Amino acid sequence: MDARAIIGWNLRRLRVAQGLSQERLALAAGIDRAYVGRVERGSENVTVDTLAAIARALAVPVADLFVAPEPGTERPAPLKAGRKPVR
């Protein structure tokens, strides 16, 4: 797995674990929502500044975005589609 794929994998894993949509993460990080999707798919060559902004928005160290998944680990599941219920 190349570096872009590892970053995308971890970005999606961390984002979904926190229950954040791509749009909410993008807003918190000050980047475009479509850009978040491209990073998750591994099709963007992300800058260090953008990685730092994403890590800040997720409240994790930047290093967490570089951890290679164990062989055989399933791809992180997406969030359930639709709006969240009002509390």
N, C-alpha and C. Protein backbone atom coordinates (compact mmCIF):
# COMPACT_ATOMS: atom_id res chain seq x y z
N MET A 1 0.85 -1.16 0.00
CA MET A 1 0.00 0.00 0.00
C MET A 1 0.91 1.24 0.00
N ASP A 2 0.63 2.19 -0.90
CA ASP A 2 1.47 3.39 -0.96
C ASP A 2 1.04 4.42 0.09
N ALA A 3 1.83 5.46 0.24
CA ALA A 3 1.61 6.46 1.29
C ALA A 3 0.26 7.14 1.16
N ARG A 4 -0.14 7.50 -0.07
CA ARG A 4 -1.44 8.15 -0.25
C ARG A 4 -2.59 7.25 0.18
N ALA A 5 -2.50 5.97 -0.13
CA ALA A 5 -3.54 5.02 0.25
C ALA A 5 -3.60 4.85 1.77
N ILE A 6 -2.44 4.82 2.41
CA ILE A 6 -2.39 4.69 3.87
C ILE A 6 -3.02 5.91 4.54
N ILE A 7 -2.67 7.10 4.05
CA ILE A 7 -3.25 8.33 4.60
C ILE A 7 -4.76 8.32 4.41
N GLY A 8 -5.23 7.96 3.22
CA GLY A 8 -6.66 7.92 2.95
C GLY A 8 -7.38 6.92 3.83
N TRP A 9 -6.79 5.77 4.01
CA TRP A 9 -7.35 4.71 4.86
C TRP A 9 -7.54 5.22 6.28
N ASN A 10 -6.46 5.81 6.82
CA ASN A 10 -6.51 6.30 8.20
C ASN A 10 -7.44 7.50 8.35
N LEU A 11 -7.47 8.37 7.37
CA LEU A 11 -8.37 9.51 7.42
C LEU A 11 -9.82 9.03 7.53
N ARG A 12 -10.19 8.10 6.67
CA ARG A 12 -11.56 7.58 6.72
C ARG A 12 -11.84 6.86 8.04
N ARG A 13 -10.90 6.04 8.49
CA ARG A 13 -11.06 5.29 9.73
C ARG A 13 -11.29 6.23 10.91
N LEU A 14 -10.46 7.26 11.01
CA LEU A 14 -10.57 8.20 12.13
C LEU A 14 -11.83 9.06 12.02
N ARG A 15 -12.15 9.49 10.81
CA ARG A 15 -13.33 10.33 10.61
C ARG A 15 -14.60 9.58 10.96
N VAL A 16 -14.74 8.34 10.47
CA VAL A 16 -15.93 7.53 10.73
C VAL A 16 -16.02 7.18 12.22
N ALA A 17 -14.88 6.88 12.85
CA ALA A 17 -14.87 6.55 14.28
C ALA A 17 -15.40 7.71 15.11
N GLN A 18 -15.20 8.94 14.64
CA GLN A 18 -15.68 10.12 15.36
C GLN A 18 -17.07 10.55 14.91
N GLY A 19 -17.62 9.83 13.92
CA GLY A 19 -18.95 10.15 13.44
C GLY A 19 -19.03 11.44 12.64
N LEU A 20 -17.92 11.82 12.01
CA LEU A 20 -17.89 13.05 11.22
C LEU A 20 -18.13 12.76 9.75
N SER A 21 -18.93 13.57 9.11
CA SER A 21 -19.09 13.48 7.66
C SER A 21 -17.87 14.15 7.02
N GLN A 22 -17.68 13.89 5.74
CA GLN A 22 -16.60 14.55 5.02
C GLN A 22 -16.81 16.06 5.05
N GLU A 23 -18.05 16.48 4.95
CA GLU A 23 -18.36 17.91 4.94
C GLU A 23 -18.00 18.57 6.27
N ARG A 24 -18.36 17.93 7.39
CA ARG A 24 -18.04 18.50 8.71
C ARG A 24 -16.53 18.53 8.95
N LEU A 25 -15.84 17.47 8.54
CA LEU A 25 -14.38 17.45 8.70
C LEU A 25 -13.75 18.56 7.86
N ALA A 26 -14.21 18.68 6.62
CA ALA A 26 -13.67 19.71 5.73
C ALA A 26 -13.88 21.10 6.31
N LEU A 27 -15.05 21.36 6.85
CA LEU A 27 -15.34 22.65 7.46
C LEU A 27 -14.41 22.91 8.64
N ALA A 28 -14.24 21.91 9.50
CA ALA A 28 -13.38 22.05 10.67
C ALA A 28 -11.91 22.25 10.27
N ALA A 29 -11.49 21.63 9.18
CA ALA A 29 -10.09 21.72 8.74
C ALA A 29 -9.84 22.90 7.80
N GLY A 30 -10.90 23.54 7.33
CA GLY A 30 -10.75 24.67 6.41
C GLY A 30 -10.36 24.26 5.01
N ILE A 31 -10.85 23.08 4.58
CA ILE A 31 -10.57 22.60 3.22
C ILE A 31 -11.89 22.23 2.54
N ASP A 32 -11.83 21.94 1.26
CA ASP A 32 -13.02 21.60 0.48
C ASP A 32 -13.47 20.16 0.73
N ARG A 33 -14.78 19.92 0.78
CA ARG A 33 -15.31 18.59 1.03
C ARG A 33 -14.88 17.61 -0.05
N ALA A 34 -14.90 18.03 -1.29
CA ALA A 34 -14.49 17.14 -2.38
C ALA A 34 -13.03 16.74 -2.24
N TYR A 35 -12.22 17.65 -1.71
CA TYR A 35 -10.80 17.36 -1.49
C TYR A 35 -10.64 16.25 -0.46
N VAL A 36 -11.46 16.28 0.60
CA VAL A 36 -11.42 15.23 1.62
C VAL A 36 -11.71 13.88 0.97
N GLY A 37 -12.71 13.83 0.10
CA GLY A 37 -13.03 12.58 -0.60
C GLY A 37 -11.88 12.08 -1.45
N ARG A 38 -11.23 12.99 -2.15
CA ARG A 38 -10.09 12.59 -2.98
C ARG A 38 -8.92 12.10 -2.14
N VAL A 39 -8.71 12.71 -0.98
CA VAL A 39 -7.64 12.26 -0.08
C VAL A 39 -7.98 10.85 0.42
N GLU A 40 -9.23 10.62 0.81
CA GLU A 40 -9.63 9.29 1.29
C GLU A 40 -9.47 8.23 0.22
N ARG A 41 -9.68 8.59 -1.04
CA ARG A 41 -9.52 7.62 -2.14
C ARG A 41 -8.05 7.46 -2.54
N GLY A 42 -7.17 8.29 -1.99
CA GLY A 42 -5.75 8.20 -2.32
C GLY A 42 -5.38 8.82 -3.64
N SER A 43 -6.22 9.72 -4.14
CA SER A 43 -5.93 10.33 -5.44
C SER A 43 -5.35 11.74 -5.33
N GLU A 44 -5.11 12.22 -4.11
CA GLU A 44 -4.50 13.54 -3.90
C GLU A 44 -3.14 13.38 -3.23
N ASN A 45 -2.22 14.23 -3.64
CA ASN A 45 -0.91 14.30 -3.00
C ASN A 45 -0.99 15.43 -1.98
N VAL A 46 -1.27 15.09 -0.74
CA VAL A 46 -1.59 16.05 0.31
C VAL A 46 -0.33 16.73 0.83
N THR A 47 -0.45 18.03 1.12
CA THR A 47 0.68 18.76 1.70
C THR A 47 0.74 18.52 3.21
N VAL A 48 1.89 18.80 3.78
CA VAL A 48 2.06 18.65 5.22
C VAL A 48 1.12 19.60 5.96
N ASP A 49 0.94 20.81 5.46
CA ASP A 49 0.04 21.77 6.10
C ASP A 49 -1.40 21.26 6.11
N THR A 50 -1.83 20.64 5.03
CA THR A 50 -3.19 20.10 4.97
C THR A 50 -3.33 18.92 5.92
N LEU A 51 -2.32 18.06 5.98
CA LEU A 51 -2.35 16.94 6.93
C LEU A 51 -2.43 17.46 8.37
N ALA A 52 -1.71 18.52 8.66
CA ALA A 52 -1.74 19.10 10.00
C ALA A 52 -3.14 19.65 10.31
N ALA A 53 -3.77 20.29 9.35
CA ALA A 53 -5.12 20.83 9.54
C ALA A 53 -6.13 19.71 9.77
N ILE A 54 -6.00 18.63 9.01
CA ILE A 54 -6.89 17.47 9.17
C ILE A 54 -6.69 16.83 10.54
N ALA A 55 -5.43 16.65 10.92
CA ALA A 55 -5.14 16.04 12.23
C ALA A 55 -5.68 16.91 13.37
N ARG A 56 -5.54 18.23 13.25
CA ARG A 56 -6.09 19.13 14.26
C ARG A 56 -7.61 18.98 14.35
N ALA A 57 -8.27 18.94 13.20
CA ALA A 57 -9.73 18.80 13.17
C ALA A 57 -10.18 17.48 13.78
N LEU A 58 -9.37 16.43 13.62
CA LEU A 58 -9.68 15.12 14.18
C LEU A 58 -9.16 14.96 15.62
N ALA A 59 -8.39 15.93 16.09
CA ALA A 59 -7.78 15.91 17.43
C ALA A 59 -6.90 14.67 17.63
N VAL A 60 -6.07 14.40 16.62
CA VAL A 60 -5.12 13.28 16.68
C VAL A 60 -3.75 13.79 16.23
N PRO A 61 -2.67 13.10 16.63
CA PRO A 61 -1.35 13.46 16.11
C PRO A 61 -1.27 13.17 14.61
N VAL A 62 -0.51 13.97 13.90
CA VAL A 62 -0.34 13.77 12.45
C VAL A 62 0.17 12.35 12.17
N ALA A 63 0.99 11.83 13.04
CA ALA A 63 1.56 10.49 12.86
C ALA A 63 0.49 9.41 12.74
N ASP A 64 -0.68 9.62 13.34
CA ASP A 64 -1.77 8.64 13.25
C ASP A 64 -2.26 8.45 11.81
N LEU A 65 -2.01 9.43 10.95
CA LEU A 65 -2.44 9.32 9.56
C LEU A 65 -1.47 8.46 8.73
N PHE A 66 -0.32 8.10 9.30
CA PHE A 66 0.70 7.35 8.57
C PHE A 66 0.84 5.89 9.01
N VAL A 67 -0.01 5.43 9.91
CA VAL A 67 0.09 4.06 10.42
C VAL A 67 -0.48 3.09 9.39
N ALA A 68 0.36 2.17 8.94
CA ALA A 68 -0.09 1.18 7.94
C ALA A 68 -1.05 0.18 8.59
N PRO A 69 -2.15 -0.13 7.91
CA PRO A 69 -3.09 -1.12 8.47
C PRO A 69 -2.48 -2.52 8.44
N GLU A 70 -2.92 -3.35 9.37
CA GLU A 70 -2.47 -4.74 9.40
C GLU A 70 -2.93 -5.44 8.13
N PRO A 71 -2.14 -6.36 7.59
CA PRO A 71 -2.56 -7.11 6.40
C PRO A 71 -3.88 -7.84 6.67
N GLY A 72 -4.79 -7.76 5.72
CA GLY A 72 -6.08 -8.43 5.84
C GLY A 72 -7.15 -7.61 6.54
N THR A 73 -6.79 -6.42 7.02
CA THR A 73 -7.77 -5.56 7.67
C THR A 73 -8.78 -5.05 6.64
N GLU A 74 -10.06 -5.13 6.99
CA GLU A 74 -11.10 -4.65 6.07
C GLU A 74 -11.10 -3.14 6.01
N ARG A 75 -11.47 -2.63 4.84
CA ARG A 75 -11.57 -1.18 4.63
C ARG A 75 -12.60 -0.61 5.61
N PRO A 76 -12.34 0.57 6.18
CA PRO A 76 -13.31 1.17 7.10
C PRO A 76 -14.65 1.38 6.42
N ALA A 77 -15.72 1.05 7.12
CA ALA A 77 -17.06 1.21 6.58
C ALA A 77 -17.43 2.68 6.54
N PRO A 78 -18.26 3.08 5.58
CA PRO A 78 -18.70 4.48 5.53
C PRO A 78 -19.72 4.76 6.62
N LEU A 79 -19.96 6.03 6.86
CA LEU A 79 -21.03 6.41 7.78
C LEU A 79 -22.37 6.06 7.16
N LYS A 80 -23.37 5.85 7.99
CA LYS A 80 -24.72 5.60 7.50
C LYS A 80 -25.20 6.85 6.76
N ALA A 81 -25.80 6.67 5.61
CA ALA A 81 -26.26 7.80 4.80
C ALA A 81 -27.45 8.48 5.47
N GLY A 82 -27.62 9.74 5.15
CA GLY A 82 -28.76 10.49 5.65
C GLY A 82 -28.40 11.37 6.83
N ARG A 83 -29.37 12.13 7.24
CA ARG A 83 -29.17 13.06 8.36
C ARG A 83 -29.22 12.32 9.68
N LYS A 84 -28.50 12.87 10.65
CA LYS A 84 -28.54 12.32 11.99
C LYS A 84 -29.85 12.75 12.65
N PRO A 85 -30.40 11.91 13.52
CA PRO A 85 -31.64 12.31 14.20
C PRO A 85 -31.41 13.50 15.13
N VAL A 86 -32.42 14.33 15.26
CA VAL A 86 -32.33 15.48 16.14
C VAL A 86 -32.47 15.00 17.58
N ARG A 87 -31.63 15.51 18.45
CA ARG A 87 -31.67 15.09 19.86
C ARG A 87 -32.48 16.06 20.67
